[in-house]
Protein backbone atom coordinates (compact mmCIF):
# COMPACT_ATOMS: atom_id res chain seq x y z
CA MET A 1 -23.81 99.09 66.14
CA GLY A 2 -27.08 98.14 67.79
CA SER A 3 -28.54 94.70 67.31
CA ARG A 4 -31.53 94.23 65.06
CA ALA A 5 -34.45 91.97 65.93
CA PHE A 6 -35.32 89.41 63.25
CA ALA A 7 -38.37 87.21 63.02
CA GLN A 8 -37.46 83.53 63.05
CA THR A 9 -39.49 83.02 59.86
CA ASP A 10 -37.10 85.36 58.03
CA GLY A 11 -34.21 82.93 58.42
CA ILE A 12 -31.67 82.04 61.10
CA PRO A 13 -29.90 84.63 63.27
CA ALA A 14 -26.11 84.45 63.26
CA THR A 15 -23.16 86.33 64.71
CA VAL A 16 -20.14 87.34 62.64
CA TYR A 17 -17.02 85.54 63.87
CA GLN A 18 -14.37 87.76 62.22
CA ILE A 19 -14.06 90.76 59.90
CA THR A 20 -15.81 89.52 56.78
CA ASN A 21 -16.47 90.88 53.30
CA VAL A 22 -20.00 90.58 51.93
CA ARG A 23 -20.02 89.67 48.24
CA ARG A 24 -22.57 90.02 45.48
CA GLU A 25 -22.41 86.32 44.59
CA PRO A 26 -21.18 83.19 46.45
CA SER A 27 -17.63 83.47 45.15
CA ALA A 28 -14.35 84.77 46.52
CA GLN A 29 -13.88 86.57 43.21
CA SER A 30 -17.27 88.29 43.26
CA PRO A 31 -17.36 92.07 43.96
CA VAL A 32 -17.51 93.18 47.61
CA VAL A 33 -20.77 94.94 48.50
CA GLY A 34 -20.20 95.42 52.21
CA ARG A 35 -18.10 94.62 55.24
CA LEU A 36 -19.11 93.13 58.58
CA GLU A 37 -17.35 93.63 61.91
CA PRO A 38 -16.98 90.88 64.52
CA GLU A 39 -20.05 90.34 66.73
CA THR A 40 -22.38 91.85 64.13
CA VAL A 41 -25.80 90.16 64.22
CA VAL A 42 -27.13 89.13 60.80
CA MET A 43 -29.95 87.02 59.43
CA VAL A 44 -29.07 84.06 57.21
CA VAL A 45 -31.75 83.71 54.53
CA GLY A 46 -30.16 81.40 51.97
CA ARG A 47 -27.25 79.05 51.19
CA ASP A 48 -25.47 78.03 48.01
CA ASP A 49 -25.47 74.25 48.48
CA GLY A 50 -25.72 71.44 51.00
CA THR A 51 -22.23 72.11 52.37
CA ASN A 52 -23.19 75.65 53.47
CA SER A 53 -19.90 76.98 52.13
CA TRP A 54 -21.57 80.31 51.30
CA LEU A 55 -24.52 81.88 53.12
CA LEU A 56 -26.79 84.71 51.99
CA ILE A 57 -27.27 87.26 54.78
CA THR A 58 -29.09 90.48 55.49
CA ALA A 59 -27.84 92.99 58.04
CA GLU A 60 -28.35 96.55 59.22
CA ASN A 61 -27.92 99.49 56.85
CA ASP A 62 -29.44 97.43 54.02
CA VAL A 63 -26.36 95.23 53.68
CA GLU A 64 -27.27 92.05 51.81
CA GLY A 65 -25.03 89.49 50.12
CA TRP A 66 -22.99 86.32 50.47
CA VAL A 67 -20.42 85.46 53.13
CA PRO A 68 -18.37 82.26 53.69
CA GLY A 69 -20.06 79.88 56.08
CA PHE A 70 -17.05 79.59 58.40
CA ALA A 71 -17.28 83.32 59.20
CA LEU A 72 -20.60 82.96 61.04
CA VAL A 73 -21.82 81.37 64.25
CA LEU A 74 -25.35 80.17 63.47
CA GLN A 75 -28.13 80.15 66.04
CA GLY A 76 -30.21 77.45 64.37
CA ASP A 77 -30.23 74.53 61.97
CA PRO A 78 -28.80 75.51 58.55
CA ALA A 79 -30.78 72.66 56.95
CA THR A 80 -33.89 74.84 57.32
CA ILE A 81 -32.37 77.54 55.12
CA PRO A 82 -33.37 77.32 51.43
CA ILE A 83 -30.69 76.56 48.83
CA LEU A 84 -30.55 79.36 46.27
CA GLU A 85 -29.08 79.32 42.79
CA SER A 86 -26.67 82.13 41.94
CA GLU A 87 -27.60 84.33 39.00
CA ASP A 88 -23.97 84.41 37.86
CA ASP A 89 -22.25 81.16 36.95
CA THR A 90 -18.96 82.05 38.62
CA ASP A 91 -17.61 78.51 38.35
CA SER A 92 -18.20 78.17 34.62
CA ASP A 93 -14.49 78.55 33.92
CA GLY A 94 -13.71 75.59 36.18
CA GLN A 95 -11.53 77.62 38.52
CA VAL A 96 -10.96 76.41 42.07
CA VAL A 97 -10.26 79.09 44.67
CA ILE A 98 -9.08 78.46 48.23
CA ARG A 99 -9.29 80.69 51.28
CA ALA A 100 -6.98 80.24 54.27
CA TYR A 101 -8.73 79.48 57.56
CA GLY A 102 -5.82 81.03 59.48
CA ARG A 103 -2.12 81.68 58.95
CA ILE A 104 -1.02 78.55 57.07
CA ASN A 105 2.23 77.25 55.63
CA VAL A 106 2.81 76.89 51.90
CA ARG A 107 5.35 74.16 51.06
CA ASN A 108 7.44 73.24 48.04
CA GLY A 109 5.91 69.76 47.95
CA PRO A 110 2.70 67.98 49.00
CA GLY A 111 3.62 66.89 52.52
CA ILE A 112 4.66 68.24 55.91
CA ASP A 113 8.19 66.99 55.30
CA HIS A 114 8.66 69.55 52.53
CA GLU A 115 10.23 72.97 53.00
CA VAL A 116 8.03 75.95 53.85
CA VAL A 117 8.31 78.53 51.05
CA GLY A 118 5.82 81.05 52.36
CA GLN A 119 2.56 81.60 54.21
CA LEU A 120 -1.00 82.65 53.54
CA ASN A 121 -2.62 85.07 55.94
CA PRO A 122 -6.06 84.43 57.48
CA ASP A 123 -8.81 84.85 54.89
CA GLU A 124 -6.27 85.24 52.05
CA ILE A 125 -7.37 83.67 48.77
CA ALA A 126 -5.40 81.88 46.06
CA LEU A 127 -6.04 79.94 42.89
CA ALA A 128 -5.68 76.13 43.12
CA VAL A 129 -4.14 74.64 39.96
CA ALA A 130 -3.47 70.99 40.88
CA ARG A 131 -3.91 68.35 43.58
CA SER A 132 -1.60 65.72 45.00
CA ASN A 133 -3.90 62.71 44.65
CA LEU A 134 -7.50 61.66 44.08
CA ASP A 135 -8.27 62.36 47.75
CA ASN A 136 -7.19 66.03 47.35
CA ASP A 137 -4.95 65.80 50.42
CA TRP A 138 -2.75 68.67 49.17
CA LEU A 139 -3.52 71.48 46.72
CA LEU A 140 -1.03 73.36 44.58
CA ILE A 141 -1.90 77.05 44.82
CA GLU A 142 -0.73 80.23 43.12
CA THR A 143 -0.81 83.90 44.03
CA GLU A 144 0.97 86.82 42.41
CA ALA A 145 3.92 86.29 44.75
CA LEU A 146 3.77 82.63 45.76
CA ARG A 147 3.40 79.11 44.39
CA GLY A 148 3.32 75.97 46.52
CA TRP A 149 1.29 73.30 48.29
CA VAL A 150 -1.23 73.67 51.11
CA ALA A 151 -2.97 70.97 53.14
CA TYR A 152 -6.62 70.58 52.16
CA PHE A 153 -7.92 70.77 55.73
CA THR A 154 -6.32 74.21 56.29
CA VAL A 155 -8.43 75.98 53.64
CA SER A 156 -11.99 76.40 52.46
CA VAL A 157 -12.49 75.50 48.82
CA GLU A 158 -14.72 77.17 46.26
CA GLY A 159 -15.22 75.17 43.09
CA ASN A 160 -14.76 71.47 42.42
CA PRO A 161 -11.23 70.27 43.30
CA ASN A 162 -12.00 66.92 41.65
CA ASN A 163 -11.64 68.70 38.31
CA LEU A 164 -8.02 69.65 39.08
CA PRO A 165 -5.23 67.60 37.49
CA VAL A 166 -3.24 65.29 39.75
CA ARG A 167 0.42 66.31 39.79
CA ILE A 168 3.36 64.78 41.67
CA PRO A 169 7.02 65.79 42.07
CA VAL A 170 9.33 63.98 39.62
CA GLY A 171 12.66 65.62 40.52
CA ALA A 172 14.46 68.89 39.79
CA GLY A 173 11.42 70.84 40.97
CA GLU A 174 9.30 69.48 38.12
CA LEU A 175 5.78 68.08 38.37
CA GLY A 176 4.29 65.27 36.33
CA SER A 177 1.19 63.12 36.06
CA PRO A 178 1.21 59.81 37.91
CA SER A 179 1.31 57.11 35.25
CA MET A 180 0.45 54.06 37.33
CA LEU A 181 0.10 52.45 40.70
CA VAL A 182 2.24 49.44 41.61
CA ARG A 183 1.93 47.01 44.46
CA ALA A 184 4.61 46.11 47.00
CA ARG A 185 5.58 42.43 46.74
CA TYR A 186 7.06 42.47 50.24
CA ASN A 187 7.42 44.94 53.09
CA VAL A 188 9.56 47.58 51.37
CA ARG A 189 11.83 50.06 53.13
CA LEU A 190 11.89 53.52 51.58
CA HIS A 191 15.26 55.29 51.86
CA VAL A 192 16.24 58.94 51.60
CA LEU A 193 18.58 58.11 48.70
CA PRO A 194 18.89 55.02 46.45
CA SER A 195 21.17 53.06 48.75
CA LEU A 196 20.63 50.45 51.46
CA GLU A 197 23.02 52.46 53.64
CA GLU A 198 20.79 55.53 53.63
CA ARG A 199 18.26 56.44 56.33
CA VAL A 200 14.91 54.63 56.20
CA LEU A 201 11.90 56.96 55.95
CA THR A 202 9.11 54.40 56.28
CA VAL A 203 8.15 50.83 55.42
CA VAL A 204 5.57 50.16 52.70
CA PRO A 205 3.46 47.19 53.85
CA PHE A 206 3.09 44.08 51.74
CA SER A 207 0.48 44.51 48.99
CA ALA A 208 0.14 48.29 49.52
CA HIS A 209 0.07 50.53 46.45
CA VAL A 210 2.64 53.23 45.66
CA THR A 211 2.98 55.75 42.85
CA PRO A 212 6.25 55.52 40.87
CA LEU A 213 7.74 58.98 40.38
CA ALA A 214 11.17 58.23 38.93
CA ARG A 215 13.90 55.60 38.74
CA THR A 216 17.65 55.29 38.66
CA GLU A 217 19.30 54.93 35.28
CA ASP A 218 20.35 51.33 36.07
CA LEU A 219 16.70 50.39 36.85
CA ASP A 220 17.66 49.13 40.33
CA TRP A 221 15.75 51.70 42.37
CA LEU A 222 12.30 53.29 42.21
CA TYR A 223 11.48 56.71 43.62
CA VAL A 224 7.89 56.35 44.87
CA ARG A 225 5.20 58.08 46.86
CA TYR A 226 3.46 56.15 49.62
CA GLU A 227 0.79 58.20 51.41
CA ASP A 228 2.64 61.42 52.43
CA VAL A 229 6.14 59.91 52.19
CA VAL A 230 8.41 60.02 49.14
CA GLY A 231 11.51 57.84 49.01
CA TRP A 232 13.58 55.19 47.27
CA GLY A 233 12.83 51.45 47.26
CA LEU A 234 14.45 48.55 45.46
CA ALA A 235 12.61 48.10 42.16
CA ARG A 236 12.62 44.31 42.40
CA LEU A 237 10.48 44.53 45.53
CA PHE A 238 7.58 46.04 43.60
CA ASN A 239 5.21 44.33 41.19
CA ILE A 240 6.24 46.24 38.06
CA GLU A 241 7.03 44.83 34.63
CA ALA A 242 10.40 45.58 33.01
CA GLU A 243 8.79 47.61 30.22
CA GLU A 244 6.76 49.63 32.72
CA LEU A 245 9.90 50.28 34.71
CA ARG A 246 11.73 51.60 31.64
CA ASN A 247 8.84 54.00 30.98
CA VAL A 248 9.29 55.63 34.39
CA PRO A 249 11.38 58.82 33.98
CA ILE A 250 14.97 58.82 35.17
CA TYR A 251 15.39 60.88 38.31
CA GLU A 252 17.27 64.17 37.90
CA ALA A 253 18.37 65.67 41.18
CA SER A 254 17.85 69.37 41.74
CA GLU A 255 21.06 71.41 41.71
CA SER A 256 19.83 73.38 44.68
């Protein structure tokens, strides 16, 4: 395919980084109107928002449409490209769609310590249905064949992940909503199991916040999340009232 000369006033020239579908609207669920091969030269004439997640391009053979921003190598400042409003409100249903940057692991929990249950291929899309915390560090995704967690930095996101519900593991493969944050009264060791004899995973610093996930039936231990680590700490070492502690669900271990 020969290169096409574009006037700079028409937009910004760019080169296609990988095989990329061109879509009618800036959405991974929008119909495909064309396909671009690597090293194809295009002209970028519009963008969907200030993050440049989707770019409107024109190419040879009258191909025109939207492509994800990461698929192009721009030869100019994207800030000079006008922001265009899509005719179709593809996000009106509130859906959040992710696209894998490369081959990425999908895990059975929100953290690298969790088991890998599958993988997404480069450019594969999935529906995001929940997030691990308010910082969106991990997203719970679903495809027809797979359900699990992916790290936020490994995917591009279409839609507003801040609208997703926060869900955390509460035992037996179940997910629940975090009910509260509690503060560590001392430096608290988190153990693999509710016993001082068990291996220590990490130490929660004095005054740091954790999310209670579950407790033992005798109220002695709390199963908590601190950053990306989940483990057991002595309940008396956290600033939590007795009534709040009783409202934390009792941990039920998975039979698997």
